[in-house]
C-alpha atoms as a PDB file:
ATOM      1  CA  MET A   1      73.777 -20.737  16.145  1.00  0.00           C
ATOM      2  CA  SER A   2      73.489 -23.505  13.243  1.00  0.00           C
ATOM      3  CA  PHE A   3      75.883 -24.698  10.616  1.00  0.00           C
ATOM      4  CA  SER A   4      75.848 -24.982   7.089  1.00  0.00           C
ATOM      5  CA  ARG A   5      76.439 -28.279   5.188  1.00  0.00           C
ATOM      6  CA  ARG A   6      79.240 -26.821   3.263  1.00  0.00           C
ATOM      7  CA  GLY A   7      82.165 -25.924   5.470  1.00  0.00           C
ATOM      8  CA  LEU A   8      80.275 -25.944   8.876  1.00  0.00           C
ATOM      9  CA  LYS A   9      80.219 -22.049   8.629  1.00  0.00           C
ATOM     10  CA  PRO A  10      78.113 -20.452  11.284  1.00  0.00           C
ATOM     11  CA  THR A  11      74.836 -18.668  10.128  1.00  0.00           C
ATOM     12  CA  ALA A  12      72.521 -16.272  12.139  1.00  0.00           C
ATOM     13  CA  LEU A  13      68.775 -17.030  12.943  1.00  0.00           C
ATOM     14  CA  SER A  14      66.234 -14.647  11.828  1.00  0.00           C
ATOM     15  CA  ALA A  15      62.780 -14.307  13.719  1.00  0.00           C
ATOM     16  CA  PHE A  16      59.896 -11.918  14.376  1.00  0.00           C
ATOM     17  CA  THR A  17      59.866  -9.717  17.274  1.00  0.00           C
ATOM     18  CA  ILE A  18      56.811  -9.290  19.358  1.00  0.00           C
ATOM     19  CA  ILE A  19      56.400  -5.766  17.958  1.00  0.00           C
ATOM     20  CA  GLU A  20      56.553  -6.864  14.503  1.00  0.00           C
ATOM     21  CA  LEU A  21      53.858  -9.528  15.237  1.00  0.00           C
ATOM     22  CA  LEU A  22      51.538  -6.951  17.063  1.00  0.00           C
ATOM     23  CA  VAL A  23      52.106  -4.529  14.082  1.00  0.00           C
ATOM     24  CA  SER A  24      51.219  -7.272  11.492  1.00  0.00           C
ATOM     25  CA  ILE A  25      48.167  -8.208  13.728  1.00  0.00           C
ATOM     26  CA  GLY A  26      47.019  -4.768  13.738  1.00  0.00           C
ATOM     27  CA  ILE A  27      47.514  -4.367  10.002  1.00  0.00           C
ATOM     28  CA  PHE A  28      45.415  -7.434   9.295  1.00  0.00           C
ATOM     29  CA  VAL A  29      42.724  -6.582  11.788  1.00  0.00           C
ATOM     30  CA  VAL A  30      42.278  -3.089  10.057  1.00  0.00           C
ATOM     31  CA  SER A  31      42.293  -4.512   6.578  1.00  0.00           C
ATOM     32  CA  SER A  32      39.822  -6.852   7.338  1.00  0.00           C
ATOM     33  CA  MET A  33      37.389  -4.333   9.192  1.00  0.00           C
ATOM     34  CA  LEU A  34      37.850  -2.158   6.129  1.00  0.00           C
ATOM     35  CA  MET A  35      36.947  -5.070   3.699  1.00  0.00           C
ATOM     36  CA  LEU A  36      33.892  -6.091   5.996  1.00  0.00           C
ATOM     37  CA  GLY A  37      32.495  -2.657   5.978  1.00  0.00           C
ATOM     38  CA  ALA A  38      33.142  -2.214   2.193  1.00  0.00           C
ATOM     39  CA  MET A  39      31.247  -5.626   1.848  1.00  0.00           C
ATOM     40  CA  PHE A  40      28.398  -4.587   4.276  1.00  0.00           C
ATOM     41  CA  GLY A  41      27.935  -1.422   2.442  1.00  0.00           C
ATOM     42  CA  ALA A  42      28.011  -3.153  -0.752  1.00  0.00           C
ATOM     43  CA  THR A  43      25.282  -5.499   0.629  1.00  0.00           C
ATOM     44  CA  GLU A  44      23.001  -2.783   1.914  1.00  0.00           C
ATOM     45  CA  VAL A  45      23.526  -1.140  -1.573  1.00  0.00           C
ATOM     46  CA  PHE A  46      22.465  -4.347  -3.373  1.00  0.00           C
ATOM     47  CA  ARG A  47      19.445  -4.865  -0.848  1.00  0.00           C
ATOM     48  CA  ARG A  48      18.130  -1.267  -1.613  1.00  0.00           C
ATOM     49  CA  GLY A  49      18.619  -1.422  -5.244  1.00  0.00           C
ATOM     50  CA  GLU A  50      16.972  -4.830  -5.263  1.00  0.00           C
ATOM     51  CA  ALA A  51      14.193  -3.768  -3.310  1.00  0.00           C
ATOM     52  CA  ALA A  52      13.559  -0.736  -5.647  1.00  0.00           C
ATOM     53  CA  ARG A  53      13.713  -2.836  -8.640  1.00  0.00           C
ATOM     54  CA  GLN A  54      11.295  -5.214  -7.398  1.00  0.00           C
ATOM     55  CA  ALA A  55       9.086  -2.440  -6.202  1.00  0.00           C
ATOM     56  CA  GLY A  56       9.057  -1.028  -9.560  1.00  0.00           C
ATOM     57  CA  ASP A  57       8.267  -4.375 -11.299  1.00  0.00           C
ATOM     58  CA  GLU A  58       5.578  -4.753  -9.208  1.00  0.00           C
ATOM     59  CA  ALA A  59       4.054  -1.161  -9.295  1.00  0.00           C
ATOM     60  CA  THR A  60       4.282  -1.633 -13.244  1.00  0.00           C
ATOM     61  CA  ALA A  61       1.885  -4.575 -12.908  1.00  0.00           C
ATOM     62  CA  VAL A  62      -0.366  -3.029 -10.309  1.00  0.00           C
ATOM     63  CA  ILE A  63      -0.796   0.441 -12.186  1.00  0.00           C
ATOM     64  CA  ALA A  64      -1.330  -1.628 -15.461  1.00  0.00           C
ATOM     65  CA  ALA A  65      -4.310  -3.449 -13.497  1.00  0.00           C
ATOM     66  CA  LEU A  66      -5.614  -0.518 -12.097  1.00  0.00           C
ATOM     67  CA  GLN A  67      -5.537   1.459 -15.185  1.00  0.00           C
ATOM     68  CA  GLU A  68      -7.434  -1.227 -17.027  1.00  0.00           C
ATOM     69  CA  ASP A  69     -10.319  -1.496 -14.482  1.00  0.00           C
ATOM     70  CA  LEU A  70     -10.534   2.348 -14.264  1.00  0.00           C
ATOM     71  CA  SER A  71     -10.565   2.843 -18.191  1.00  0.00           C
ATOM     72  CA  ARG A  72     -13.895   0.736 -18.231  1.00  0.00           C
ATOM     73  CA  ALA A  73     -15.334   2.287 -14.864  1.00  0.00           C
ATOM     74  CA  VAL A  74     -19.112   3.074 -15.551  1.00  0.00           C
ATOM     75  CA  PRO A  75     -20.024   6.944 -14.816  1.00  0.00           C
ATOM     76  CA  ILE A  76     -22.543   7.925 -12.016  1.00  0.00           C
ATOM     77  CA  ARG A  77     -25.870   9.057 -13.233  1.00  0.00           C
ATOM     78  CA  LEU A  78     -28.271  10.817 -10.944  1.00  0.00           C
ATOM     79  CA  ARG A  79     -31.847   9.990 -10.472  1.00  0.00           C
ATOM     80  CA  ASP A  80     -33.828  12.279  -8.156  1.00  0.00           C
ATOM     81  CA  GLY A  81     -30.585  13.501  -6.687  1.00  0.00           C
ATOM     82  CA  LYS A  82     -29.240   9.968  -6.061  1.00  0.00           C
ATOM     83  CA  PRO A  83     -27.100   7.667  -8.124  1.00  0.00           C
ATOM     84  CA  ALA A  84     -29.014   5.372 -10.270  1.00  0.00           C
ATOM     85  CA  PRO A  85     -28.127   1.843  -9.049  1.00  0.00           C
ATOM     86  CA  GLU A  86     -28.293   0.337 -12.520  1.00  0.00           C
ATOM     87  CA  TRP A  87     -25.131   2.813 -13.414  1.00  0.00           C
ATOM     88  CA  GLY A  88     -21.893   3.456 -11.744  1.00  0.00           C
ATOM     89  CA  ARG A  89     -21.049   3.937  -8.089  1.00  0.00           C
ATOM     90  CA  LEU A  90     -17.870   4.614  -6.223  1.00  0.00           C
ATOM     91  CA  TYR A  91     -17.274   3.593  -2.660  1.00  0.00           C
ATOM     92  CA  ALA A  92     -14.216   3.793  -0.495  1.00  0.00           C
ATOM     93  CA  ARG A  93     -13.568   3.346   3.139  1.00  0.00           C
ATOM     94  CA  ALA A  94     -10.620   4.569   5.045  1.00  0.00           C
ATOM     95  CA  GLN A  95      -8.892   2.328   7.673  1.00  0.00           C
ATOM     96  CA  SER A  96      -6.826   2.985  10.838  1.00  0.00           C
ATOM     97  CA  ASP A  97      -3.675   2.291   8.954  1.00  0.00           C
ATOM     98  CA  GLY A  98      -4.515   4.548   6.232  1.00  0.00           C
ATOM     99  CA  ASN A  99      -5.432   2.092   3.717  1.00  0.00           C
ATOM    100  CA  CYS A 100      -8.740   2.070   1.663  1.00  0.00           C
ATOM    101  CA  GLN A 101     -11.032  -0.434   0.326  1.00  0.00           C
ATOM    102  CA  LEU A 102     -12.060   1.028  -3.155  1.00  0.00           C
ATOM    103  CA  GLY A 103     -14.955  -0.388  -5.168  1.00  0.00           C
ATOM    104  CA  PHE A 104     -16.369   0.753  -8.567  1.00  0.00           C
ATOM    105  CA  VAL A 105     -18.678  -0.505 -11.453  1.00  0.00           C
ATOM    106  CA  ILE A 106     -16.830  -1.589 -14.660  1.00  0.00           C
ATOM    107  CA  GLU A 107     -18.052  -2.572 -18.023  1.00  0.00           C
ATOM    108  CA  ASN A 108     -17.285  -6.221 -18.901  1.00  0.00           C
ATOM    109  CA  PRO A 109     -15.327  -6.597 -22.120  1.00  0.00           C
ATOM    110  CA  ASP A 110     -16.005 -10.371 -22.280  1.00  0.00           C
ATOM    111  CA  ARG A 111     -19.633 -10.428 -23.820  1.00  0.00           C
ATOM    112  CA  SER A 112     -19.311 -14.419 -23.759  1.00  0.00           C
ATOM    113  CA  GLN A 113     -19.718 -14.069 -19.854  1.00  0.00           C
ATOM    114  CA  VAL A 114     -23.139 -12.292 -20.305  1.00  0.00           C
ATOM    115  CA  ARG A 115     -25.768 -15.018 -19.039  1.00  0.00           C
ATOM    116  CA  TRP A 116     -29.314 -15.395 -17.634  1.00  0.00           C
ATOM    117  CA  ILE A 117     -29.921 -16.981 -13.897  1.00  0.00           C
ATOM    118  CA  ASN A 118     -32.735 -18.560 -12.587  1.00  0.00           C
ATOM    119  CA  GLU A 119     -34.313 -19.152 -15.939  1.00  0.00           C
ATOM    120  CA  SER A 120     -37.369 -21.384 -14.422  1.00  0.00           C
ATOM    121  CA  ASP A 121     -38.716 -18.289 -12.350  1.00  0.00           C
ATOM    122  CA  PRO A 122     -39.500 -15.501 -14.559  1.00  0.00           C
ATOM    123  CA  VAL A 123     -39.815 -13.308 -11.318  1.00  0.00           C
ATOM    124  CA  LYS A 124     -36.173 -13.898 -10.611  1.00  0.00           C
ATOM    125  CA  LYS A 125     -34.767 -14.001 -13.938  1.00  0.00           C
ATOM    126  CA  ARG A 126     -31.885 -11.816 -14.272  1.00  0.00           C
ATOM    127  CA  LEU A 127     -29.197 -10.985 -16.768  1.00  0.00           C
ATOM    128  CA  LEU A 128     -25.644 -11.127 -15.229  1.00  0.00           C
ATOM    129  CA  GLY A 129     -22.253 -10.242 -16.780  1.00  0.00           C
ATOM    130  CA  VAL A 130     -22.781  -6.855 -18.557  1.00  0.00           C
ATOM    131  CA  ARG A 131     -21.270  -5.309 -15.650  1.00  0.00           C
ATOM    132  CA  ALA A 132     -19.076  -6.103 -12.692  1.00  0.00           C
ATOM    133  CA  TRP A 133     -18.226  -4.767  -9.220  1.00  0.00           C
ATOM    134  CA  VAL A 134     -14.586  -4.529  -8.511  1.00  0.00           C
ATOM    135  CA  VAL A 135     -13.062  -4.244  -4.867  1.00  0.00           C
ATOM    136  CA  TRP A 136      -9.266  -3.404  -4.418  1.00  0.00           C
ATOM    137  CA  TYR A 137      -8.096  -3.808  -0.709  1.00  0.00           C
ATOM    138  CA  VAL A 138      -4.977  -4.684   1.451  1.00  0.00           C
ATOM    139  CA  VAL A 139      -4.901  -7.452   4.014  1.00  0.00           C
ATOM    140  CA  PRO A 140      -2.054  -8.969   6.274  1.00  0.00           C
ATOM    141  CA  ALA A 141      -0.205 -11.776   5.080  1.00  0.00           C
ATOM    142  CA  THR A 142      -0.902 -15.110   6.824  1.00  0.00           C
ATOM    143  CA  THR A 143       2.389 -16.809   6.222  1.00  0.00           C
ATOM    144  CA  ALA A 144       4.563 -17.861   9.318  1.00  0.00           C
ATOM    145  CA  GLY A 145       6.698 -14.669  10.490  1.00  0.00           C
ATOM    146  CA  ALA A 146       4.984 -12.097   8.150  1.00  0.00           C
ATOM    147  CA  THR A 147       5.255  -8.460   9.183  1.00  0.00           C
ATOM    148  CA  ALA A 148       3.500  -5.521   7.487  1.00  0.00           C
ATOM    149  CA  ALA A 149       6.166  -5.477   4.969  1.00  0.00           C
ATOM    150  CA  ASP A 150       4.565  -8.576   3.503  1.00  0.00           C
ATOM    151  CA  ASP A 151       0.730  -7.060   3.371  1.00  0.00           C
ATOM    152  CA  GLU A 152      -1.051  -8.229   0.313  1.00  0.00           C
ATOM    153  CA  LEU A 153      -3.002  -6.282  -2.165  1.00  0.00           C
ATOM    154  CA  TRP A 154      -6.200  -8.239  -3.359  1.00  0.00           C
ATOM    155  CA  ARG A 155      -8.563  -7.691  -6.100  1.00  0.00           C
ATOM    156  CA  GLU A 156     -12.277  -9.016  -6.136  1.00  0.00           C
ATOM    157  CA  GLU A 157     -14.774  -8.935  -8.962  1.00  0.00           C
ATOM    158  CA  TRP A 158     -18.435  -9.698  -8.280  1.00  0.00           C
ATOM    159  CA  ASP A 159     -21.234 -10.205 -10.814  1.00  0.00           C
ATOM    160  CA  MET A 160     -23.968  -7.536 -11.080  1.00  0.00           C
ATOM    161  CA  THR A 161     -27.598  -7.863 -12.538  1.00  0.00           C
ATOM    162  CA  GLU A 162     -29.121  -5.356 -14.964  1.00  0.00           C
ATOM    163  CA  ASP A 163     -30.859  -3.503 -12.076  1.00  0.00           C
ATOM    164  CA  GLY A 164     -27.430  -3.015 -10.383  1.00  0.00           C
ATOM    165  CA  THR A 165     -27.865  -5.406  -7.508  1.00  0.00           C
ATOM    166  CA  ILE A 166     -24.445  -6.937  -6.542  1.00  0.00           C
ATOM    167  CA  VAL A 167     -24.554 -11.033  -6.252  1.00  0.00           C
ATOM    168  CA  GLU A 168     -22.325 -13.645  -5.079  1.00  0.00           C
ATOM    169  CA  LYS A 169     -20.979 -16.446  -7.005  1.00  0.00           C
ATOM    170  CA  GLY A 170     -23.954 -18.548  -6.599  1.00  0.00           C
ATOM    171  CA  GLY A 171     -26.178 -15.894  -7.886  1.00  0.00           C
ATOM    172  CA  GLU A 172     -27.936 -14.605  -4.803  1.00  0.00           C
ATOM    173  CA  PRO A 173     -27.770 -10.998  -3.768  1.00  0.00           C
ATOM    174  CA  ARG A 174     -24.681 -10.449  -1.690  1.00  0.00           C
ATOM    175  CA  SER A 175     -26.669  -8.785   1.347  1.00  0.00           C
ATOM    176  CA  THR A 176     -28.727 -11.754   1.825  1.00  0.00           C
ATOM    177  CA  VAL A 177     -25.915 -14.307   1.852  1.00  0.00           C
ATOM    178  CA  THR A 178     -24.147 -15.289   5.181  1.00  0.00           C
ATOM    179  CA  ASN A 179     -20.494 -15.841   3.552  1.00  0.00           C
ATOM    180  CA  PRO A 180     -20.913 -14.524   0.113  1.00  0.00           C
ATOM    181  CA  GLU A 181     -18.043 -15.288  -2.465  1.00  0.00           C
ATOM    182  CA  PRO A 182     -16.995 -13.003  -5.379  1.00  0.00           C
ATOM    183  CA  ARG A 183     -16.924 -14.221  -8.675  1.00  0.00           C
ATOM    184  CA  LYS A 184     -13.120 -13.946  -9.039  1.00  0.00           C
ATOM    185  CA  GLU A 185     -10.577 -13.186  -6.225  1.00  0.00           C
ATOM    186  CA  GLU A 186      -6.964 -12.603  -7.091  1.00  0.00           C
ATOM    187  CA  LEU A 187      -3.695 -11.626  -5.315  1.00  0.00           C
ATOM    188  CA  VAL A 188      -2.125  -8.670  -7.093  1.00  0.00           C
ATOM    189  CA  THR A 189       1.107  -8.163  -5.095  1.00  0.00           C
ATOM    190  CA  ARG A 190       2.731  -8.671  -1.941  1.00  0.00           C
ATOM    191  CA  GLY A 191       4.641  -6.089   0.223  1.00  0.00           C
ATOM    192  CA  CYS A 192       1.981  -3.326  -0.187  1.00  0.00           C
ATOM    193  CA  LEU A 193       2.402  -1.131   2.710  1.00  0.00           C
ATOM    194  CA  HIS A 194      -0.161   1.456   1.450  1.00  0.00           C
ATOM    195  CA  PHE A 195      -3.149   1.807  -0.759  1.00  0.00           C
ATOM    196  CA  ALA A 196      -5.641   4.692  -0.915  1.00  0.00           C
ATOM    197  CA  ALA A 197      -7.697   6.763  -3.191  1.00  0.00           C
ATOM    198  CA  TRP A 198      -8.498  10.260  -3.291  1.00  0.00           C
ATOM    199  CA  ALA A 199     -10.717  12.588  -5.556  1.00  0.00           C
ATOM    200  CA  GLU A 200      -8.392  14.502  -7.579  1.00  0.00           C
ATOM    201  CA  VAL A 201     -10.897  17.384  -8.918  1.00  0.00           C
ATOM    202  CA  ALA A 202     -12.440  19.347  -6.124  1.00  0.00           C
ATOM    203  CA  GLN A 203     -14.947  21.077  -8.445  1.00  0.00           C
ATOM    204  CA  ALA A 204     -16.339  17.785  -9.585  1.00  0.00           C
ATOM    205  CA  HIS A 205     -16.540  16.227  -6.053  1.00  0.00           C
ATOM    206  CA  ARG A 206     -19.764  17.959  -4.790  1.00  0.00           C
ATOM    207  CA  LEU A 207     -22.183  16.721  -2.255  1.00  0.00           C
ATOM    208  CA  VAL A 208     -25.506  16.052  -3.777  1.00  0.00           C
ATOM    209  CA  LYS A 209     -28.512  16.430  -1.590  1.00  0.00           C
ATOM    210  CA  THR A 210     -32.359  16.137  -2.532  1.00  0.00           C
ATOM    211  CA  GLY A 211     -33.839  19.647  -2.049  1.00  0.00           C
ATOM    212  CA  ALA A 212     -37.374  21.296  -2.417  1.00  0.00           C
ATOM    213  CA  GLY A 213     -36.402  22.529  -6.058  1.00  0.00           C
ATOM    214  CA  GLY A 214     -34.011  19.448  -7.002  1.00  0.00           C
ATOM    215  CA  PRO A 215     -30.492  18.488  -6.384  1.00  0.00           C
ATOM    216  CA  GLU A 216     -28.765  20.763  -4.124  1.00  0.00           C
ATOM    217  CA  PHE A 217     -24.975  21.019  -4.142  1.00  0.00           C
ATOM    218  CA  ALA A 218     -22.621  21.601  -1.369  1.00  0.00           C
ATOM    219  CA  TRP A 219     -18.716  21.301  -0.549  1.00  0.00           C
ATOM    220  CA  GLU A 220     -17.592  17.902   0.617  1.00  0.00           C
ATOM    221  CA  SER A 221     -17.150  17.198   4.281  1.00  0.00           C
ATOM    222  CA  LYS A 222     -13.542  17.908   5.419  1.00  0.00           C
ATOM    223  CA  ASP A 223     -13.444  14.546   7.524  1.00  0.00           C
ATOM    224  CA  ALA A 224     -10.531  12.487   6.693  1.00  0.00           C
ATOM    225  CA  ASN A 225     -12.747   9.368   6.450  1.00  0.00           C
ATOM    226  CA  GLU A 226     -14.863  10.969   3.950  1.00  0.00           C
ATOM    227  CA  GLU A 227     -12.340  12.517   1.750  1.00  0.00           C
ATOM    228  CA  VAL A 228     -12.869   9.634  -0.687  1.00  0.00           C
ATOM    229  CA  ILE A 229     -16.413   8.717  -2.197  1.00  0.00           C
ATOM    230  CA  PRO A 230     -18.720   6.992   0.109  1.00  0.00           C
ATOM    231  CA  PHE A 231     -21.602   5.337  -1.641  1.00  0.00           C
ATOM    232  CA  ALA A 232     -24.580   4.534   0.803  1.00  0.00           C
ATOM    233  CA  ASN A 233     -26.073   1.013   0.164  1.00  0.00           C
ATOM    234  CA  ALA A 234     -27.096  -1.719   2.438  1.00  0.00           C
ATOM    235  CA  ASP A 235     -24.549  -3.944   0.819  1.00  0.00           C
ATOM    236  CA  PHE A 236     -21.745  -2.036   2.189  1.00  0.00           C
ATOM    237  CA  ASP A 237     -20.424  -1.666   5.751  1.00  0.00           C
ATOM    238  CA  THR A 238     -20.552   2.093   6.311  1.00  0.00           C
ATOM    239  CA  SER A 239     -19.869   1.953  10.398  1.00  0.00           C
ATOM    240  CA  GLN A 240     -16.270   3.381  10.086  1.00  0.00           C
ATOM    241  CA  LEU A 241     -17.801   6.651   8.145  1.00  0.00           C
ATOM    242  CA  VAL A 242     -18.156   9.478  10.365  1.00  0.00           C
ATOM    243  CA  GLY A 243     -21.624  10.929  10.178  1.00  0.00           C
ATOM    244  CA  THR A 244     -24.408  10.002   7.506  1.00  0.00           C
ATOM    245  CA  PRO A 245     -22.775   8.422   4.450  1.00  0.00           C
ATOM    246  CA  ALA A 246     -23.477  10.791   1.448  1.00  0.00           C
ATOM    247  CA  PHE A 247     -24.247  10.502  -2.219  1.00  0.00           C
ATOM    248  CA  TYR A 248     -21.638  12.219  -4.601  1.00  0.00           C
ATOM    249  CA  ALA A 249     -21.703  13.325  -8.260  1.00  0.00           C
ATOM    250  CA  GLN A 250     -19.291  11.920 -10.705  1.00  0.00           C
ATOM    251  CA  PRO A 251     -15.709  12.921 -10.123  1.00  0.00           C
ATOM    252  CA  ASP A 252     -13.670  13.762 -12.820  1.00  0.00           C
ATOM    253  CA  ALA A 253     -10.597  11.715 -11.516  1.00  0.00           C
ATOM    254  CA  LEU A 254      -9.072   9.677  -8.869  1.00  0.00           C
ATOM    255  CA  ARG A 255      -5.624   9.654  -7.587  1.00  0.00           C
ATOM    256  CA  ILE A 256      -4.477   6.129  -6.403  1.00  0.00           C
ATOM    257  CA  SER A 257      -1.505   6.306  -4.026  1.00  0.00           C
ATOM    258  CA  LEU A 258       0.908   3.098  -3.503  1.00  0.00           C
ATOM    259  CA  VAL A 259       3.747   2.456  -1.213  1.00  0.00           C
ATOM    260  CA  LEU A 260       5.472  -0.871  -1.998  1.00  0.00           C
ATOM    261  CA  THR A 261       8.494  -2.638  -0.420  1.00  0.00           C
ATOM    262  CA  GLY A 262       9.358  -4.890  -3.247  1.00  0.00           C
ATOM    263  CA  GLY A 263       8.551  -7.997  -0.987  1.00  0.00           C
ATOM    264  CA  GLY A 264       9.376  -8.837   2.529  1.00  0.00           C
ATOM    265  CA  ARG A 265      12.862 -10.336   1.920  1.00  0.00           C
ATOM    266  CA  TYR A 266      14.458  -7.064   0.592  1.00  0.00           C
ATOM    267  CA  ALA A 267      11.951  -4.785   2.391  1.00  0.00           C
ATOM    268  CA  THR A 268      13.819  -1.862   4.324  1.00  0.00           C
ATOM    269  CA  ARG A 269      13.062  -2.190   7.914  1.00  0.00           C
ATOM    270  CA  GLY A 270      14.250  -1.262  11.164  1.00  0.00           C
ATOM    271  CA  THR A 271      13.433  -0.791  14.985  1.00  0.00           C
ATOM    272  CA  LEU A 272      12.375   2.130  16.750  1.00  0.00           C
ATOM    273  CA  ILE A 273      14.655   2.881  19.790  1.00  0.00           C
ATOM    274  CA  GLY A 274      12.648   4.509  22.703  1.00  0.00           C
ATOM    275  CA  THR A 275       9.002   5.468  22.875  1.00  0.00           C
ATOM    276  CA  LEU A 276       7.769   8.010  20.065  1.00  0.00           C
ATOM    277  CA  SER A 277       5.078  10.243  21.795  1.00  0.00           C
ATOM    278  CA  PRO A 278       2.483  12.355  20.056  1.00  0.00           C
ATOM    279  CA  GLY A 279       4.036  15.735  18.573  1.00  0.00           C
ATOM    280  CA  ASP A 280       7.582  14.265  18.776  1.00  0.00           C
ATOM    281  CA  THR A 281       9.778  15.605  15.840  1.00  0.00           C
ATOM    282  CA  GLN A 282      12.698  13.248  16.160  1.00  0.00           C
ATOM    283  CA  ALA A 283      13.172   9.467  16.246  1.00  0.00           C
ATOM    284  CA  ARG A 284      16.082   6.832  16.885  1.00  0.00           C
ATOM    285  CA  ILE A 285      16.090   3.878  14.832  1.00  0.00           C
ATOM    286  CA  THR A 286      18.409   0.945  14.242  1.00  0.00           C
ATOM    287  CA  GLY A 287      19.045  -1.478  11.618  1.00  0.00           C
ATOM    288  CA  ILE A 288      18.499   0.906   8.590  1.00  0.00           C
ATOM    289  CA  LYS A 289      21.787   2.226   7.143  1.00  0.00           C
ATOM    290  CA  ALA A 290      20.247   4.756   4.701  1.00  0.00           C
ATOM    291  CA  LEU A 291      16.978   6.408   3.781  1.00  0.00           C
ATOM    292  CA  PRO A 292      16.008   8.594   0.968  1.00  0.00           C
ATOM    293  CA  THR A 293      15.798  12.250   1.666  1.00  0.00           C
ATOM    294  CA  THR A 294      13.959  13.487  -1.081  1.00  0.00           C
ATOM    295  CA  GLY A 295      10.654  15.556  -0.675  1.00  0.00           C
ATOM    296  CA  GLY A 296       7.787  13.694   0.299  1.00  0.00           C
ATOM    297  CA  SER A 297       9.863  10.533   1.880  1.00  0.00           C
ATOM    298  CA  LEU A 298       7.760   8.391   4.148  1.00  0.00           C
ATOM    299  CA  LEU A 299       8.139   6.107   7.036  1.00  0.00           C
ATOM    300  CA  ARG A 300       5.769   3.731   8.631  1.00  0.00           C
ATOM    301  CA  ILE A 301       6.090   3.064  12.397  1.00  0.00           C
ATOM    302  CA  GLY A 302       3.796   0.680  13.690  1.00  0.00           C
ATOM    303  CA  ASN A 303       0.351   1.958  11.916  1.00  0.00           C
ATOM    304  CA  GLU A 304       1.380   5.497  11.554  1.00  0.00           C
ATOM    305  CA  TRP A 305       2.633   7.144   8.506  1.00  0.00           C
ATOM    306  CA  ILE A 306       5.420   9.666   9.145  1.00  0.00           C
ATOM    307  CA  ARG A 307       7.001  12.089   6.610  1.00  0.00           C
ATOM    308  CA  TYR A 308      10.387  13.324   7.687  1.00  0.00           C
ATOM    309  CA  ASP A 309      13.301  15.890   6.363  1.00  0.00           C
ATOM    310  CA  ASP A 310      16.500  14.257   7.329  1.00  0.00           C
ATOM    311  CA  PHE A 311      18.257  11.122   8.361  1.00  0.00           C
ATOM    312  CA  ARG A 312      21.676  10.995   9.793  1.00  0.00           C
ATOM    313  CA  GLY A 313      23.535   9.155  12.553  1.00  0.00           C
ATOM    314  CA  GLY A 314      20.687   6.594  13.293  1.00  0.00           C
ATOM    315  CA  ARG A 315      18.137   9.620  13.912  1.00  0.00           C
ATOM    316  CA  VAL A 316      15.056  10.892  11.819  1.00  0.00           C
ATOM    317  CA  ASN A 317      14.552  14.460  11.872  1.00  0.00           C
ATOM    318  CA  GLY A 318      11.690  16.900  10.879  1.00  0.00           C
ATOM    319  CA  LEU A 319       9.033  14.226  11.507  1.00  0.00           C
ATOM    320  CA  LYS A 320       5.538  15.225  10.192  1.00  0.00           C
ATOM    321  CA  ARG A 321       3.181  12.928  12.170  1.00  0.00           C
ATOM    322  CA  GLY A 322      -0.065  11.288  11.206  1.00  0.00           C
ATOM    323  CA  GLN A 323       0.209  11.263   7.420  1.00  0.00           C
ATOM    324  CA  LEU A 324      -2.069   9.402   4.860  1.00  0.00           C
ATOM    325  CA  ARG A 325      -4.822   9.239   7.171  1.00  0.00           C
ATOM    326  CA  THR A 326      -3.397   7.935  10.114  1.00  0.00           C
ATOM    327  CA  ALA A 327      -3.257   9.247  13.793  1.00  0.00           C
ATOM    328  CA  ASP A 328      -0.453  11.089  15.472  1.00  0.00           C
ATOM    329  CA  GLY A 329      -0.333   8.443  18.164  1.00  0.00           C
ATOM    330  CA  THR A 330       2.457   6.763  20.664  1.00  0.00           C
ATOM    331  CA  CYS A 331       4.590   4.401  19.148  1.00  0.00           C
ATOM    332  CA  ALA A 332       5.966   1.929  21.421  1.00  0.00           C
ATOM    333  CA  ASP A 333       9.815   1.252  21.947  1.00  0.00           C
ATOM    334  CA  ARG A 334      10.953  -1.602  19.737  1.00  0.00           C
ATOM    335  CA  SER A 335       8.274  -0.933  17.102  1.00  0.00           C
ATOM    336  CA  LEU A 336       8.806  -1.979  13.376  1.00  0.00           C
ATOM    337  CA  VAL A 337      10.118   0.840  11.231  1.00  0.00           C
ATOM    338  CA  LEU A 338       9.379   0.303   7.529  1.00  0.00           C
ATOM    339  CA  ALA A 339       9.931   2.352   4.326  1.00  0.00           C
ATOM    340  CA  GLY A 340       9.133   1.542   0.653  1.00  0.00           C
ATOM    341  CA  GLN A 341       8.848   3.112  -2.759  1.00  0.00           C
ATOM    342  CA  PRO A 342       5.972   5.715  -3.240  1.00  0.00           C
ATOM    343  CA  PHE A 343       4.123   5.397  -6.532  1.00  0.00           C
ATOM    344  CA  SER A 344       0.921   7.537  -7.685  1.00  0.00           C
ATOM    345  CA  LEU A 345      -1.671   7.116 -10.439  1.00  0.00           C
ATOM    346  CA  VAL A 346      -3.969   9.941 -11.669  1.00  0.00           C
ATOM    347  CA  VAL A 347      -6.779   8.231 -13.844  1.00  0.00           C
ATOM    348  CA  ALA A 348      -9.540  10.519 -15.709  1.00  0.00           C
ATOM    349  CA  LEU A 349     -12.819   8.794 -15.341  1.00  0.00           C
ATOM    350  CA  PRO A 350     -14.984   8.133 -18.127  1.00  0.00           C
ATOM    351  CA  ARG A 351     -17.980  10.636 -18.001  1.00  0.00           C
END
């Protein structure tokens, strides 16, 4: 009991009971958890939105650059059943991770780059700059802590002589130089999980062989490594192509497929829980809150591309293994799981 200053009348003390304190603490904890959950959910939505936005911006730039190159592609012209070297050629090599190295000939729009080399030697005097050989390819990033989400898409441009010989920056044929250098090399984008090319029109993608009565046509090989258009030439490493590299007639169009992450910072990534064996149709992953479930959605686990039907409760269901030219293999426990935004470009080639 205590006394007030006026009249010293007794007043009662008010205090919280243990039950009231526990109830207050419980309400605070529940409110905090709800707020943290909302905050984490908003953060995840922001990360996914930022990744999609950045991937879309990068895709716009990449597709514009590809369209610019392919619009100037030089068509293939045959001579005795084989492509004439001073005309166009198209080459691609599939890699184990499903990516391709794609090369083709383009017309050079800048005529100021046309020049002569080795002018003092009439035998070696060659015209350069009328056409160029461009190569698109993906390489792993070399920065510290980089993962497959940071893989880089590069473009190289090489000089060509008037007879179709590809030469390095110094003017020597590329096949005779120990470490040849392109005339131009540029980083197109980071965060490229996939880059590949396919011939879009089957009727125009026919194998050309030299027969007794002239060129003979046959359907293309069904081998996955030969779905693209290999061009047999000593300048190119064809060791990863199955069988004898073949010459092909000019296709009507190419389809380029891309999967971009929007950069390593916002890339959708997780971790595989448990080993994924060949033929498995379900996988557990952690670290990813949500995944798109639209048709054609893809995941990359290790070096294997996998399509899936559904994602719920940390499980990916309806797996379709070995997509985009990759193998249905064993994915080790704790493997990196990545997802990106798919893009596709179909370009009609000049004829």
